[in-house]
Amino acid sequence: MLSLLAGVLGKISLDIILMVQTEVGKVAEPAGDGRGGSSTLPHKRNPILSVTGLASACRVQDLTHTLQAAMVGEHERAVGAWHSEWETLSEALALTGGAASAVREVTEGLEVYPVKMRENLDATGGMLLAENVTTLAAERLGRLKAHDLVQAACHRALDRGKHLREELLEDAESGEILSPEEIDAALDPASYLGSADEFVTRALNLYREEGSYVLTEGAVDVNYVLEGPEDTPVLVLSNSLGMTLGMWDDQAPVLRQRFRLLRYDGRGHGGSPAPPGPYAIGDLGRDVLSLLDRLGLKHASFCGLSIGGMTGMWLASEAPERFDHLVLCCTAARLAPEAWQARAETVRAEGVGAVADAVQERWFTPKFQASRPETFEWAGTMLRETDAEGYAGCCEAIRDMDLRDRLASITAPTLVIAGAEDPATPPEHGELIRDSIPGASFEVIPNAAHLANIEQPEAVSRAVLDHLSPTTARSTDR
């Protein structure tokens, strides 16, 4: 097993070393001060981690010969043979571990240059895809005739310094059996991937099942509050744009009786850092995954409102093994980008206060504004205190968001909640999400606008608890 593992690590290391070469230039190892530099060539970045991995793997192959020889001996454990394993096995384990550590560091921080990859493919003038053209032509000519036809075109292209596509298009016999569209499709590298996607998916699934999930490089260490019994299921609450974790104050006392309740401030909000924008919904999702990893929480249910719900859809489709149940409140899978671009520009130029009145009016129904002025003012203060860059960056995340293609892949049992009078994300947005997620349910909260959990806290809490009851039941059974 050590020999096989070392061989795999050595192969990965060698492939990276070959791809790093200047004339290939497809990838580069993660950079670092004093790492991989040259004493004579200041510009050079040597793949020192991959070299370390390869050297360690080669040494393990030699050591395994000693281990294998020790297996053949008299009786159960022959004198002398098993003594030879002591130092050998320890060294082999240390070298294999070192190779694994180097390869992990390389692969997690590998810099990939797809433009250079495409340039390398194009440098062959289409010859690399000649087999693909042959396979297509063989369906009409037979394998041998198709081979001869494409081979002749390749020779002519090389002699004349032309692209294979040009030769195929100019050749009368090729034109009779292959249309220009078919030739273009056959010469597209994307059509020549075979089962690569399937193997990549398998590898990622195994990677995730072992406890390593979506990479969280660039994630922000967000501010959070974790409360409730440690032996209960984890429930994450995610906020609306312009709100902090305080927006769930009405739900928290009820939910933390039955859940390990994790509330957090999204990046750029409350006590969380506000890195320069623009952000993407994936960035917000990786912040959550990083937080869960930081706290040692492998699984959780997730409830998000507005941009929090958008984050939940990304999480449930990107890391499905980590989320047990999903609640999506007053949210959408896609919104008009122009409005969000305009809002981001305004906030960056004039601050959150420039949009606060208009935003706040959409959060609550007129009746609630009149009957609960203190809550209306409290929410407005929270909004106006939001960092302008953080708010604008989140606006840009919504601007670029389109989660519709992800919805069908969500497997977590999902409840979609809409406010009956929500002008920001009307119920039809929730209906679209419900119709797109297999088995999802949908509930409309009467007399509620966008922040339905604040306007109708009892109704939202009841809906959330009813949906998550199987989770708490399993916890009680344990």
Protein backbone atom coordinates (compact mmCIF):
# COMPACT_ATOMS: atom_id res chain seq x y z
CA MET A 1 0.00 0.00 0.00
CA LEU A 2 2.84 2.40 0.82
CA SER A 3 4.42 1.65 -2.55
CA LEU A 4 1.16 2.29 -4.40
CA LEU A 5 0.48 5.50 -2.52
CA ALA A 6 4.02 6.73 -3.09
CA GLY A 7 3.71 5.89 -6.77
CA VAL A 8 0.55 7.99 -7.10
CA LEU A 9 2.16 10.90 -5.26
CA GLY A 10 5.26 10.62 -7.42
CA LYS A 11 3.19 10.61 -10.61
CA ILE A 12 1.28 13.74 -9.55
CA SER A 13 4.55 15.46 -8.66
CA LEU A 14 6.20 14.57 -11.97
CA ASP A 15 3.20 15.75 -14.00
CA ILE A 16 3.29 19.10 -12.22
CA ILE A 17 7.05 19.40 -12.79
CA LEU A 18 6.51 18.80 -16.52
CA MET A 19 3.64 21.30 -16.75
CA VAL A 20 5.67 23.97 -14.93
CA GLN A 21 8.41 23.95 -17.58
CA THR A 22 8.80 27.31 -19.31
CA GLU A 23 7.98 25.96 -22.75
CA VAL A 24 4.75 24.41 -21.40
CA GLY A 25 3.75 26.87 -18.65
CA LYS A 26 0.33 25.41 -17.85
CA VAL A 27 0.62 25.69 -14.06
CA ALA A 28 2.78 27.05 -11.26
CA GLU A 29 3.26 25.98 -7.68
CA PRO A 30 1.92 28.29 -4.96
CA ALA A 31 4.35 31.14 -4.45
CA GLY A 32 6.03 32.00 -1.18
CA ASP A 33 8.95 34.03 0.11
CA GLY A 34 12.19 32.13 -0.36
CA ARG A 35 10.47 29.18 -1.99
CA GLY A 36 11.66 27.80 -5.32
CA GLY A 37 13.98 30.68 -6.12
CA SER A 38 17.19 30.38 -8.09
CA SER A 39 20.60 31.65 -6.94
CA THR A 40 21.43 32.82 -10.49
CA LEU A 41 18.05 33.41 -12.17
CA PRO A 42 15.95 35.83 -10.07
CA HIS A 43 12.84 35.37 -12.21
CA LYS A 44 12.73 31.60 -11.82
CA ARG A 45 10.19 29.67 -9.74
CA ASN A 46 11.33 26.10 -9.29
CA PRO A 47 8.63 23.50 -8.41
CA ILE A 48 10.39 22.66 -5.17
CA LEU A 49 7.37 21.02 -3.50
CA SER A 50 6.81 18.70 -6.45
CA VAL A 51 10.53 17.90 -6.57
CA THR A 52 10.36 17.01 -2.88
CA GLY A 53 7.32 14.82 -3.47
CA LEU A 54 8.92 13.04 -6.42
CA ALA A 55 12.23 12.44 -4.63
CA SER A 56 10.46 11.05 -1.56
CA ALA A 57 8.28 8.78 -3.70
CA CYS A 58 11.31 7.39 -5.57
CA ARG A 59 13.04 6.60 -2.28
CA VAL A 60 9.97 4.75 -0.99
CA GLN A 61 10.02 2.47 -4.03
CA ASP A 62 13.52 1.32 -3.04
CA LEU A 63 12.56 0.81 0.58
CA THR A 64 9.58 -1.36 -0.31
CA HIS A 65 11.93 -3.93 -1.86
CA THR A 66 13.36 -4.54 1.60
CA LEU A 67 9.89 -4.79 3.10
CA GLN A 68 8.75 -7.26 0.46
CA ALA A 69 11.86 -9.39 0.92
CA ALA A 70 11.19 -9.58 4.65
CA MET A 71 7.78 -11.11 3.98
CA VAL A 72 9.29 -14.36 2.74
CA GLY A 73 10.77 -16.34 5.63
CA GLU A 74 10.60 -19.46 7.73
CA HIS A 75 7.62 -20.02 9.97
CA GLU A 76 5.71 -16.95 11.15
CA ARG A 77 8.53 -14.43 11.57
CA ALA A 78 11.99 -15.45 10.42
CA VAL A 79 15.04 -14.40 12.41
CA GLY A 80 16.76 -11.42 10.82
CA ALA A 81 14.15 -10.71 8.17
CA TRP A 82 11.63 -8.89 10.34
CA HIS A 83 14.38 -6.96 12.07
CA SER A 84 15.18 -5.39 8.72
CA GLU A 85 11.70 -3.83 8.69
CA TRP A 86 12.22 -1.64 11.73
CA GLU A 87 14.16 1.24 10.29
CA THR A 88 12.92 0.65 6.74
CA LEU A 89 9.23 0.92 7.60
CA SER A 90 9.75 4.04 9.71
CA GLU A 91 11.65 5.76 6.91
CA ALA A 92 9.08 4.70 4.29
CA LEU A 93 6.24 6.07 6.39
CA ALA A 94 8.04 9.36 6.97
CA LEU A 95 8.88 9.80 3.28
CA THR A 96 5.36 8.91 2.13
CA GLY A 97 3.89 11.34 4.65
CA GLY A 98 6.27 14.03 3.47
CA ALA A 99 5.33 13.41 -0.16
CA ALA A 100 1.63 13.54 0.71
CA SER A 101 2.08 16.82 2.58
CA ALA A 102 3.96 18.37 -0.34
CA VAL A 103 1.40 17.21 -2.91
CA ARG A 104 -1.50 18.47 -0.81
CA GLU A 105 0.10 21.90 -0.46
CA VAL A 106 0.74 22.04 -4.20
CA THR A 107 -2.70 20.93 -5.30
CA GLU A 108 -4.58 23.20 -2.90
CA GLY A 109 -2.64 26.27 -4.03
CA LEU A 110 -1.86 25.32 -7.62
CA GLU A 111 -1.99 28.24 -10.05
CA VAL A 112 -3.59 27.09 -13.30
CA TYR A 113 -3.28 29.03 -16.56
CA PRO A 114 -6.13 27.98 -18.90
CA VAL A 115 -5.20 30.57 -21.54
CA LYS A 116 -1.74 29.03 -21.84
CA MET A 117 -3.30 25.56 -21.96
CA ARG A 118 -5.47 26.62 -24.87
CA GLU A 119 -2.47 28.20 -26.63
CA ASN A 120 -0.60 24.91 -26.33
CA LEU A 121 -3.55 23.05 -27.84
CA ASP A 122 -3.86 25.54 -30.69
CA ALA A 123 -0.11 25.31 -31.40
CA THR A 124 -0.67 21.84 -32.89
CA GLY A 125 -2.81 23.31 -35.67
CA GLY A 126 -5.64 20.92 -34.89
CA MET A 127 -3.47 17.78 -35.18
CA LEU A 128 -4.14 16.82 -31.59
CA LEU A 129 -7.83 16.39 -32.49
CA ALA A 130 -7.21 14.41 -35.68
CA GLU A 131 -8.32 11.19 -34.01
CA ASN A 132 -11.63 12.80 -33.11
CA VAL A 133 -12.17 13.75 -36.75
CA THR A 134 -11.25 10.21 -37.80
CA THR A 135 -13.78 8.73 -35.40
CA LEU A 136 -16.52 10.94 -36.81
CA ALA A 137 -15.58 10.19 -40.44
CA ALA A 138 -15.43 6.45 -39.71
CA GLU A 139 -19.16 6.43 -39.05
CA ARG A 140 -19.65 7.13 -42.78
CA LEU A 141 -16.53 5.74 -44.49
CA GLY A 142 -15.35 2.94 -42.26
CA ARG A 143 -12.32 3.07 -40.01
CA LEU A 144 -9.53 2.41 -42.52
CA LYS A 145 -10.76 4.83 -45.20
CA ALA A 146 -11.41 7.51 -42.58
CA HIS A 147 -7.89 7.03 -41.20
CA ASP A 148 -6.31 7.41 -44.64
CA LEU A 149 -8.42 10.48 -45.42
CA VAL A 150 -7.52 12.34 -42.24
CA GLN A 151 -3.89 11.23 -42.36
CA ALA A 152 -3.52 12.66 -45.86
CA ALA A 153 -5.09 15.94 -44.70
CA CYS A 154 -2.66 16.08 -41.77
CA HIS A 155 0.35 15.56 -44.06
CA ARG A 156 -0.83 18.31 -46.40
CA ALA A 157 -1.41 20.69 -43.49
CA LEU A 158 2.08 20.06 -42.14
CA ASP A 159 3.70 20.48 -45.56
CA ARG A 160 1.85 23.74 -46.23
CA GLY A 161 1.98 25.12 -42.68
CA LYS A 162 -1.80 25.29 -42.47
CA HIS A 163 -4.37 24.39 -39.85
CA LEU A 164 -5.98 20.96 -40.21
CA ARG A 165 -9.38 22.64 -40.37
CA GLU A 166 -8.43 24.51 -43.54
CA GLU A 167 -7.26 21.32 -45.27
CA LEU A 168 -10.41 19.45 -44.33
CA LEU A 169 -12.64 22.27 -45.56
CA GLU A 170 -10.75 22.55 -48.87
CA ASP A 171 -10.70 18.81 -49.51
CA ALA A 172 -13.62 17.71 -51.70
CA GLU A 173 -13.84 14.19 -50.26
CA SER A 174 -13.89 15.49 -46.67
CA GLY A 175 -16.57 18.01 -47.61
CA GLU A 176 -18.83 15.24 -48.90
CA ILE A 177 -18.97 13.44 -45.57
CA LEU A 178 -18.38 16.19 -42.99
CA SER A 179 -20.06 19.59 -42.78
CA PRO A 180 -18.09 22.65 -41.61
CA GLU A 181 -20.05 22.60 -38.34
CA GLU A 182 -19.13 18.96 -37.74
CA ILE A 183 -15.46 19.66 -38.45
CA ASP A 184 -15.47 22.59 -36.04
CA ALA A 185 -17.13 20.47 -33.36
CA ALA A 186 -14.64 17.63 -33.84
CA LEU A 187 -11.70 20.03 -33.59
CA ASP A 188 -13.01 21.61 -30.38
CA PRO A 189 -10.96 20.26 -27.43
CA ALA A 190 -14.06 20.40 -25.24
CA SER A 191 -15.58 17.59 -27.33
CA TYR A 192 -12.59 15.34 -26.67
CA LEU A 193 -12.72 14.97 -22.91
CA GLY A 194 -14.10 11.44 -22.84
CA SER A 195 -14.97 10.36 -19.30
CA ALA A 196 -12.86 13.06 -17.64
CA ASP A 197 -15.89 14.77 -16.06
CA GLU A 198 -17.06 11.49 -14.57
CA PHE A 199 -13.66 10.70 -13.06
CA VAL A 200 -13.30 14.22 -11.68
CA THR A 201 -16.75 13.95 -10.10
CA ARG A 202 -15.87 10.61 -8.53
CA ALA A 203 -12.63 11.98 -7.13
CA LEU A 204 -14.35 15.04 -5.68
CA ASN A 205 -17.08 12.92 -4.11
CA LEU A 206 -14.49 10.69 -2.44
CA TYR A 207 -12.57 13.78 -1.33
CA ARG A 208 -15.69 15.23 0.25
CA GLU A 209 -16.74 11.96 1.89
CA GLU A 210 -13.39 11.84 3.66
CA GLY A 211 -14.12 15.15 5.36
CA SER A 212 -12.38 17.62 3.04
CA TYR A 213 -14.86 19.72 1.19
CA VAL A 214 -15.04 22.79 -0.98
CA LEU A 215 -11.81 24.77 -0.82
CA THR A 216 -12.26 27.93 1.23
CA GLU A 217 -9.26 29.95 0.11
CA GLY A 218 -10.02 33.65 0.40
CA ALA A 219 -12.81 33.10 2.94
CA VAL A 220 -13.42 35.76 5.58
CA ASP A 221 -13.42 34.89 9.28
CA VAL A 222 -16.91 36.14 10.00
CA ASN A 223 -18.29 37.22 13.37
CA TYR A 224 -20.61 34.61 14.89
CA VAL A 225 -22.62 33.51 17.92
CA LEU A 226 -22.92 29.80 18.71
CA GLU A 227 -25.41 28.84 21.41
CA GLY A 228 -27.68 26.01 22.48
CA PRO A 229 -27.11 22.42 23.69
CA GLU A 230 -23.98 20.83 22.25
CA ASP A 231 -25.70 17.46 21.70
CA THR A 232 -28.39 18.90 19.38
CA PRO A 233 -28.28 19.32 15.58
CA VAL A 234 -26.61 22.45 14.21
CA LEU A 235 -28.77 25.10 12.54
CA VAL A 236 -27.15 28.03 10.73
CA LEU A 237 -29.09 31.29 10.33
CA SER A 238 -27.99 33.62 7.52
CA ASN A 239 -29.02 37.27 7.26
CA SER A 240 -30.57 39.60 4.73
CA LEU A 241 -28.52 42.26 2.96
CA GLY A 242 -28.02 45.21 5.32
CA MET A 243 -28.82 43.24 8.47
CA THR A 244 -26.72 41.60 11.17
CA LEU A 245 -27.22 38.40 13.13
CA GLY A 246 -29.50 40.46 15.40
CA MET A 247 -32.27 40.12 12.82
CA TRP A 248 -32.94 36.63 14.22
CA ASP A 249 -33.40 37.78 17.82
CA ASP A 250 -37.09 36.81 17.80
CA GLN A 251 -36.33 33.29 16.55
CA ALA A 252 -33.19 32.60 18.62
CA PRO A 253 -34.83 31.87 22.03
CA VAL A 254 -37.12 29.24 20.48
CA LEU A 255 -34.62 27.67 18.09
CA ARG A 256 -31.70 27.37 20.51
CA GLN A 257 -33.82 25.14 22.77
CA ARG A 258 -33.78 22.46 20.07
CA PHE A 259 -30.68 23.30 18.03
CA ARG A 260 -27.05 24.20 18.35
CA LEU A 261 -27.78 27.60 16.87
CA LEU A 262 -25.11 29.31 14.77
CA ARG A 263 -25.78 32.92 13.73
CA TYR A 264 -23.20 34.99 11.88
CA ASP A 265 -22.66 38.38 10.28
CA GLY A 266 -22.09 38.12 6.54
CA ARG A 267 -18.91 39.69 5.18
CA GLY A 268 -19.13 43.48 5.24
CA HIS A 269 -21.88 43.40 7.87
CA GLY A 270 -21.93 43.80 11.65
CA GLY A 271 -18.72 42.58 13.23
CA SER A 272 -17.36 40.82 10.15
CA PRO A 273 -14.54 42.20 7.96
CA ALA A 274 -15.38 44.01 4.71
CA PRO A 275 -12.75 43.10 2.09
CA PRO A 276 -12.79 45.08 -1.16
CA GLY A 277 -15.56 44.02 -3.55
CA PRO A 278 -16.97 42.85 -5.79
CA TYR A 279 -18.08 39.63 -4.10
CA ALA A 280 -19.74 36.54 -5.52
CA ILE A 281 -22.37 34.33 -3.93
CA GLY A 282 -19.71 31.61 -3.86
CA ASP A 283 -17.53 33.87 -1.71
CA LEU A 284 -20.34 34.20 0.82
CA GLY A 285 -20.85 30.45 0.75
CA ARG A 286 -17.17 29.74 1.31
CA ASP A 287 -17.27 32.06 4.33
CA VAL A 288 -19.89 29.73 5.82
CA LEU A 289 -17.92 26.57 5.01
CA SER A 290 -14.81 28.11 6.53
CA LEU A 291 -16.77 28.99 9.67
CA LEU A 292 -18.11 25.43 9.97
CA ASP A 293 -14.59 24.06 9.53
CA ARG A 294 -13.25 26.50 12.12
CA LEU A 295 -15.81 25.25 14.62
CA GLY A 296 -15.34 21.59 13.73
CA LEU A 297 -18.94 21.23 12.49
CA LYS A 298 -19.24 18.69 9.67
CA HIS A 299 -23.00 18.90 9.16
CA ALA A 300 -25.72 21.50 9.65
CA SER A 301 -29.12 22.59 8.52
CA PHE A 302 -29.29 26.05 6.97
CA CYS A 303 -31.90 28.81 7.05
CA GLY A 304 -31.25 32.00 5.12
CA LEU A 305 -33.31 35.05 4.22
CA SER A 306 -32.82 37.11 1.05
CA ILE A 307 -29.09 37.02 0.24
CA GLY A 308 -28.84 34.48 3.05
CA GLY A 309 -31.20 32.24 1.09
CA MET A 310 -29.11 32.75 -2.04
CA THR A 311 -26.07 31.66 -0.04
CA GLY A 312 -28.02 28.60 1.12
CA MET A 313 -28.87 27.55 -2.44
CA TRP A 314 -25.20 27.78 -3.40
CA LEU A 315 -24.12 25.79 -0.36
CA ALA A 316 -26.71 23.04 -0.77
CA SER A 317 -25.70 22.54 -4.41
CA GLU A 318 -21.94 22.97 -3.95
CA ALA A 319 -21.44 20.94 -0.76
CA PRO A 320 -24.58 18.79 -0.47
CA GLU A 321 -22.99 16.32 1.94
CA ARG A 322 -22.74 19.01 4.61
CA PHE A 323 -26.33 20.25 4.77
CA ASP A 324 -29.17 18.18 6.18
CA HIS A 325 -32.17 20.50 5.68
CA LEU A 326 -32.62 23.82 3.91
CA VAL A 327 -34.99 26.74 4.57
CA LEU A 328 -35.05 29.54 1.98
CA CYS A 329 -36.89 32.67 3.10
CA CYS A 330 -37.93 35.62 0.92
CA THR A 331 -35.28 34.99 -1.69
CA ALA A 332 -34.72 34.44 -5.41
CA ALA A 333 -32.50 32.40 -7.69
CA ARG A 334 -32.07 35.29 -10.13
CA LEU A 335 -32.78 39.04 -9.99
CA ALA A 336 -32.46 41.85 -12.55
CA PRO A 337 -28.74 42.76 -12.61
CA GLU A 338 -29.17 46.39 -13.71
CA ALA A 339 -30.86 47.48 -10.48
CA TRP A 340 -28.17 45.89 -8.35
CA GLN A 341 -25.39 47.45 -10.39
CA ALA A 342 -26.99 50.86 -9.91
CA ARG A 343 -27.41 50.30 -6.18
CA ALA A 344 -23.76 49.24 -5.78
CA GLU A 345 -22.58 52.36 -7.63
CA THR A 346 -24.77 54.63 -5.52
CA VAL A 347 -23.63 53.15 -2.22
CA ARG A 348 -19.96 53.34 -3.16
CA ALA A 349 -20.35 56.97 -4.17
CA GLU A 350 -22.73 58.22 -1.47
CA GLY A 351 -22.88 55.60 1.29
CA VAL A 352 -25.63 53.25 2.45
CA GLY A 353 -27.74 56.16 3.66
CA ALA A 354 -28.40 57.14 0.06
CA VAL A 355 -30.53 54.03 -0.48
CA ALA A 356 -31.62 53.29 3.08
CA ASP A 357 -35.09 54.90 3.02
CA ALA A 358 -36.14 53.14 -0.18
CA VAL A 359 -34.76 49.79 1.00
CA GLN A 360 -36.35 50.04 4.42
CA GLU A 361 -39.79 50.76 2.95
CA ARG A 362 -39.64 47.41 1.11
CA TRP A 363 -38.74 45.46 4.22
CA PHE A 364 -42.05 45.89 6.05
CA THR A 365 -45.72 46.35 5.21
CA PRO A 366 -47.22 49.83 5.79
CA LYS A 367 -49.34 48.41 8.60
CA PHE A 368 -46.28 47.09 10.44
CA GLN A 369 -44.41 50.38 9.96
CA ALA A 370 -47.29 52.24 11.57
CA SER A 371 -47.86 49.81 14.45
CA ARG A 372 -44.22 49.01 15.27
CA PRO A 373 -42.27 52.23 14.67
CA GLU A 374 -39.57 51.28 17.18
CA THR A 375 -38.76 48.07 15.27
CA PHE A 376 -38.85 49.93 11.97
CA GLU A 377 -36.35 52.45 13.35
CA TRP A 378 -34.15 49.69 14.83
CA ALA A 379 -33.90 47.94 11.48
CA GLY A 380 -33.13 51.23 9.72
CA THR A 381 -30.30 51.98 12.12
CA MET A 382 -28.81 48.54 11.49
CA LEU A 383 -28.99 49.14 7.74
CA ARG A 384 -27.38 52.58 7.88
CA GLU A 385 -24.51 51.27 10.00
CA THR A 386 -23.57 48.69 7.37
CA ASP A 387 -20.14 49.18 5.80
CA ALA A 388 -20.55 50.79 2.36
CA GLU A 389 -17.97 48.57 0.66
CA GLY A 390 -19.44 45.45 2.22
CA TYR A 391 -22.96 46.42 1.15
CA ALA A 392 -21.87 47.32 -2.39
CA GLY A 393 -19.87 44.10 -2.72
CA CYS A 394 -22.93 42.06 -1.76
CA CYS A 395 -25.04 44.02 -4.26
CA GLU A 396 -22.58 42.92 -6.93
CA ALA A 397 -22.86 39.33 -5.76
CA ILE A 398 -26.62 39.53 -6.31
CA ARG A 399 -26.06 41.29 -9.64
CA ASP A 400 -23.99 38.39 -10.97
CA MET A 401 -26.02 35.63 -9.35
CA ASP A 402 -27.93 33.05 -11.36
CA LEU A 403 -28.62 29.94 -9.30
CA ARG A 404 -31.36 28.49 -11.49
CA ASP A 405 -29.20 25.78 -13.01
CA ARG A 406 -28.12 24.64 -9.55
CA LEU A 407 -31.57 24.10 -8.07
CA ALA A 408 -32.27 20.67 -9.55
CA SER A 409 -29.10 19.31 -7.93
CA ILE A 410 -30.17 20.23 -4.38
CA THR A 411 -30.95 17.06 -2.43
CA ALA A 412 -31.52 18.46 1.06
CA PRO A 413 -35.22 18.56 2.08
CA THR A 414 -36.15 22.17 1.35
CA LEU A 415 -38.80 24.57 2.59
CA VAL A 416 -39.31 27.79 0.65
CA ILE A 417 -40.97 30.67 2.52
CA ALA A 418 -42.32 33.85 0.91
CA GLY A 419 -43.86 36.98 2.36
CA ALA A 420 -47.30 37.54 0.85
CA GLU A 421 -46.60 41.29 0.44
CA ASP A 422 -42.87 41.15 -0.32
CA PRO A 423 -42.05 43.64 -3.13
CA ALA A 424 -38.35 42.67 -3.23
CA THR A 425 -38.78 38.93 -3.84
CA PRO A 426 -42.49 38.32 -4.49
CA PRO A 427 -43.96 34.83 -3.97
CA GLU A 428 -43.48 33.89 -7.63
CA HIS A 429 -39.73 33.80 -6.99
CA GLY A 430 -40.33 31.29 -4.22
CA GLU A 431 -42.62 29.26 -6.46
CA LEU A 432 -39.91 28.99 -9.10
CA ILE A 433 -37.45 27.73 -6.50
CA ARG A 434 -40.04 25.26 -5.15
CA ASP A 435 -40.76 23.93 -8.63
CA SER A 436 -37.04 23.52 -9.41
CA ILE A 437 -35.84 21.73 -6.25
CA PRO A 438 -37.00 18.09 -6.13
CA GLY A 439 -39.52 17.56 -3.34
CA ALA A 440 -39.40 21.14 -2.04
CA SER A 441 -42.38 22.61 -0.17
CA PHE A 442 -43.65 26.18 -0.24
CA GLU A 443 -45.37 28.38 2.34
CA VAL A 444 -46.59 31.97 2.05
CA ILE A 445 -46.62 34.04 5.25
CA PRO A 446 -49.63 36.40 5.32
CA ASN A 447 -49.25 40.06 6.27
CA ALA A 448 -45.49 40.01 5.74
CA ALA A 449 -43.13 41.84 3.41
CA HIS A 450 -39.42 41.08 2.86
CA LEU A 451 -38.23 40.64 6.45
CA ALA A 452 -40.98 38.16 7.21
CA ASN A 453 -39.13 36.68 10.19
CA ILE A 454 -39.29 40.07 11.97
CA GLU A 455 -42.79 41.04 10.88
CA GLN A 456 -44.33 37.61 11.61
CA PRO A 457 -41.85 35.89 13.94
CA GLU A 458 -44.22 33.25 15.32
CA ALA A 459 -45.36 32.09 11.88
CA VAL A 460 -41.81 31.86 10.52
CA SER A 461 -40.53 30.07 13.64
CA ARG A 462 -43.37 27.55 13.42
CA ALA A 463 -42.69 26.86 9.73
CA VAL A 464 -38.97 26.40 10.37
CA LEU A 465 -39.52 24.08 13.33
CA ASP A 466 -42.11 21.99 11.46
CA HIS A 467 -39.72 21.55 8.54
CA LEU A 468 -36.75 20.67 10.75
CA SER A 469 -38.63 18.35 13.10
CA PRO A 470 -37.16 15.18 11.47
CA THR A 471 -33.70 16.51 12.32
CA THR A 472 -34.48 17.01 15.99
CA ALA A 473 -36.26 13.64 16.11
CA ARG A 474 -33.10 11.89 14.89
CA SER A 475 -31.09 13.74 17.54
CA THR A 476 -33.51 12.55 20.26
CA ASP A 477 -33.32 8.98 18.95
CA ARG A 478 -29.56 9.03 19.33
